[in-house]
Amino acid sequence: RIQEADGAWFGRWGVNYIYGTSLVLVGLRGAGVERDSDMIQSAVAWLESVQNPDGGWGETCGTYEDPAWRGVGVSTASQTAWALNGLLSAGEMHNFRLQAGIDYLLCNQEQDGSWIEFHYTGAGFPRIFYLRYDYYRVYFPLIALSRYRAHLRESQR
């Protein structure tokens, strides 16, 4: 009911439509919705349409003020990971955009295994204050990479 006309969903705790759309995709697939459903396919198309040329995804807190900016921003590790988790859940394992996102994470990973992220990707109270959860930039990319690896292993069986 609340999916946007372009295929995205509003997000609350993470900034913003990339977070919401990806989590809904995870939930829909977990609930057994088929990957070829219109809801899932339009969400995948939206995620594809907002991928940055560097292979990552990013979105600014400004989308809480003006939704026209949804999916627009400098790529971050956490937001890229959210998009990847959505695409993986939607069964987009062989999508070249998924591979570009994986490459973005791997190319931007620091020696200690973390990622640098200066932008706010958490929404405390939208339009009032935003947060930079220091571990968003670590555990979300690790989850995405581990899910990708598990899918690779599964496809090789």
Protein backbone atom coordinates (compact mmCIF):
# COMPACT_ATOMS: atom_id res chain seq x y z
CA ARG A 1 0.00 0.00 0.00
CA ILE A 2 2.73 2.48 0.79
CA GLN A 3 5.20 1.65 -1.96
CA GLU A 4 6.05 4.83 -3.87
CA ALA A 5 5.09 5.06 -7.55
CA ASP A 6 8.77 4.71 -8.53
CA GLY A 7 9.14 1.45 -6.57
CA ALA A 8 10.83 2.77 -3.40
CA TRP A 9 9.69 2.60 0.21
CA PHE A 10 10.25 5.25 2.88
CA GLY A 11 12.78 4.33 5.58
CA ARG A 12 12.77 5.37 9.20
CA TRP A 13 15.93 4.47 11.11
CA GLY A 14 18.36 4.43 8.25
CA VAL A 15 18.55 7.19 5.65
CA ASN A 16 16.08 6.70 3.94
CA TYR A 17 14.55 5.20 0.80
CA ILE A 18 17.51 2.91 0.11
CA TYR A 19 17.18 1.61 3.65
CA GLY A 20 13.40 1.24 3.52
CA THR A 21 13.32 -0.34 0.08
CA SER A 22 16.03 -2.84 0.87
CA LEU A 23 14.50 -3.91 4.16
CA VAL A 24 11.09 -4.35 2.55
CA LEU A 25 12.68 -6.55 -0.12
CA VAL A 26 14.28 -8.71 2.57
CA GLY A 27 10.93 -8.94 4.37
CA LEU A 28 8.87 -9.70 1.28
CA ARG A 29 11.15 -12.52 0.19
CA GLY A 30 11.23 -13.85 3.75
CA ALA A 31 7.43 -13.88 3.68
CA GLY A 32 7.48 -15.89 0.45
CA VAL A 33 6.54 -13.21 -2.09
CA GLU A 34 7.80 -14.35 -5.48
CA ARG A 35 10.71 -12.42 -6.95
CA ASP A 36 8.82 -11.77 -10.18
CA SER A 37 6.04 -9.89 -8.37
CA ASP A 38 5.44 -6.32 -9.49
CA MET A 39 6.32 -4.99 -6.02
CA ILE A 40 9.72 -6.65 -6.00
CA GLN A 41 10.55 -5.92 -9.63
CA SER A 42 9.70 -2.22 -9.32
CA ALA A 43 11.81 -1.98 -6.14
CA VAL A 44 14.75 -3.66 -7.89
CA ALA A 45 14.37 -1.28 -10.85
CA TRP A 46 14.37 1.69 -8.46
CA LEU A 47 17.53 0.49 -6.69
CA GLU A 48 19.20 0.00 -10.06
CA SER A 49 18.18 3.48 -11.15
CA VAL A 50 19.82 5.20 -8.17
CA GLN A 51 23.13 3.35 -8.18
CA ASN A 52 26.07 5.73 -8.44
CA PRO A 53 28.65 5.47 -11.24
CA ASP A 54 31.25 4.26 -8.69
CA GLY A 55 29.12 1.15 -8.06
CA GLY A 56 27.88 2.23 -4.64
CA TRP A 57 24.69 3.76 -3.34
CA GLY A 58 24.14 6.85 -1.23
CA GLU A 59 21.38 9.12 -0.05
CA THR A 60 21.36 12.31 1.99
CA CYS A 61 19.28 13.20 5.01
CA GLY A 62 17.69 15.87 2.82
CA THR A 63 15.24 13.28 1.52
CA TYR A 64 13.25 13.72 4.72
CA GLU A 65 12.71 17.33 3.64
CA ASP A 66 12.34 16.74 -0.08
CA PRO A 67 11.57 13.20 -1.31
CA ALA A 68 12.60 14.24 -4.84
CA TRP A 69 16.18 13.60 -3.67
CA ARG A 70 15.55 9.97 -2.73
CA GLY A 71 18.43 7.74 -3.71
CA VAL A 72 20.74 10.69 -4.43
CA GLY A 73 23.99 11.11 -2.53
CA VAL A 74 27.63 10.18 -2.17
CA SER A 75 28.14 6.42 -1.97
CA THR A 76 28.59 5.05 1.52
CA ALA A 77 29.45 1.55 2.68
CA SER A 78 26.32 1.15 4.79
CA GLN A 79 23.90 2.37 2.13
CA THR A 80 25.63 0.27 -0.52
CA ALA A 81 25.26 -2.74 1.76
CA TRP A 82 21.56 -2.03 2.26
CA ALA A 83 21.01 -1.94 -1.50
CA LEU A 84 23.01 -5.14 -1.95
CA ASN A 85 21.00 -6.95 0.71
CA GLY A 86 17.82 -5.89 -1.06
CA LEU A 87 19.09 -7.09 -4.43
CA LEU A 88 20.30 -10.37 -2.97
CA SER A 89 16.93 -10.95 -1.32
CA ALA A 90 15.23 -10.23 -4.63
CA GLY A 91 17.28 -12.98 -6.27
CA GLU A 92 19.45 -10.62 -8.31
CA MET A 93 22.60 -12.71 -7.84
CA HIS A 94 23.71 -12.37 -11.47
CA ASN A 95 22.83 -8.70 -11.83
CA PHE A 96 25.90 -6.72 -12.95
CA ARG A 97 24.79 -3.90 -10.63
CA LEU A 98 25.08 -6.24 -7.67
CA GLN A 99 28.64 -7.10 -8.71
CA ALA A 100 29.48 -3.39 -9.07
CA GLY A 101 28.25 -2.83 -5.51
CA ILE A 102 30.31 -5.74 -4.20
CA ASP A 103 33.33 -4.31 -6.00
CA TYR A 104 32.64 -0.90 -4.45
CA LEU A 105 32.72 -2.40 -0.96
CA LEU A 106 35.85 -4.44 -1.61
CA CYS A 107 37.73 -1.53 -3.21
CA ASN A 108 36.87 0.84 -0.36
CA GLN A 109 37.56 -1.49 2.55
CA GLU A 110 40.31 -0.35 4.89
CA GLN A 111 43.27 -2.50 6.01
CA ASP A 112 41.58 -3.16 9.36
CA GLY A 113 38.50 -4.54 7.58
CA SER A 114 36.28 -1.50 8.19
CA TRP A 115 35.05 1.28 5.93
CA ILE A 116 35.34 5.03 6.39
CA GLU A 117 32.01 6.81 6.42
CA PHE A 118 31.68 10.50 7.15
CA HIS A 119 28.06 11.01 6.13
CA TYR A 120 25.07 10.59 8.40
CA THR A 121 23.17 7.43 7.54
CA GLY A 122 21.01 7.15 10.65
CA ALA A 123 17.85 9.09 11.38
CA GLY A 124 17.31 9.84 15.04
CA PHE A 125 14.33 12.10 14.47
CA PRO A 126 14.03 13.08 10.80
CA ARG A 127 14.32 16.82 10.20
CA ILE A 128 15.44 17.27 13.83
CA PHE A 129 18.67 15.30 14.22
CA TYR A 130 20.60 12.61 12.40
CA LEU A 131 23.16 10.11 13.58
CA ARG A 132 26.29 8.50 12.34
CA TYR A 133 26.13 5.06 13.90
CA ASP A 134 29.77 4.07 13.83
CA TYR A 135 29.07 0.40 13.32
CA TYR A 136 26.61 0.80 10.42
CA ARG A 137 29.70 1.20 8.23
CA VAL A 138 31.08 -2.10 9.50
CA TYR A 139 28.36 -4.61 10.14
CA PHE A 140 26.03 -3.84 7.23
CA PRO A 141 28.82 -4.29 4.64
CA LEU A 142 29.98 -7.47 6.39
CA ILE A 143 26.43 -8.83 6.30
CA ALA A 144 26.11 -8.04 2.59
CA LEU A 145 29.47 -9.57 1.73
CA SER A 146 28.77 -12.70 3.76
CA ARG A 147 25.35 -13.11 2.15
CA TYR A 148 26.93 -12.69 -1.28
CA ARG A 149 29.57 -15.30 -0.44
CA ALA A 150 26.91 -17.72 0.80
CA HIS A 151 24.96 -17.26 -2.45
CA LEU A 152 28.14 -17.91 -4.47
CA ARG A 153 28.84 -21.09 -2.53
CA GLU A 154 25.23 -22.23 -2.94
CA SER A 155 25.32 -21.65 -6.70
CA GLN A 156 28.52 -23.70 -7.01
CA ARG A 157 26.92 -26.82 -5.50
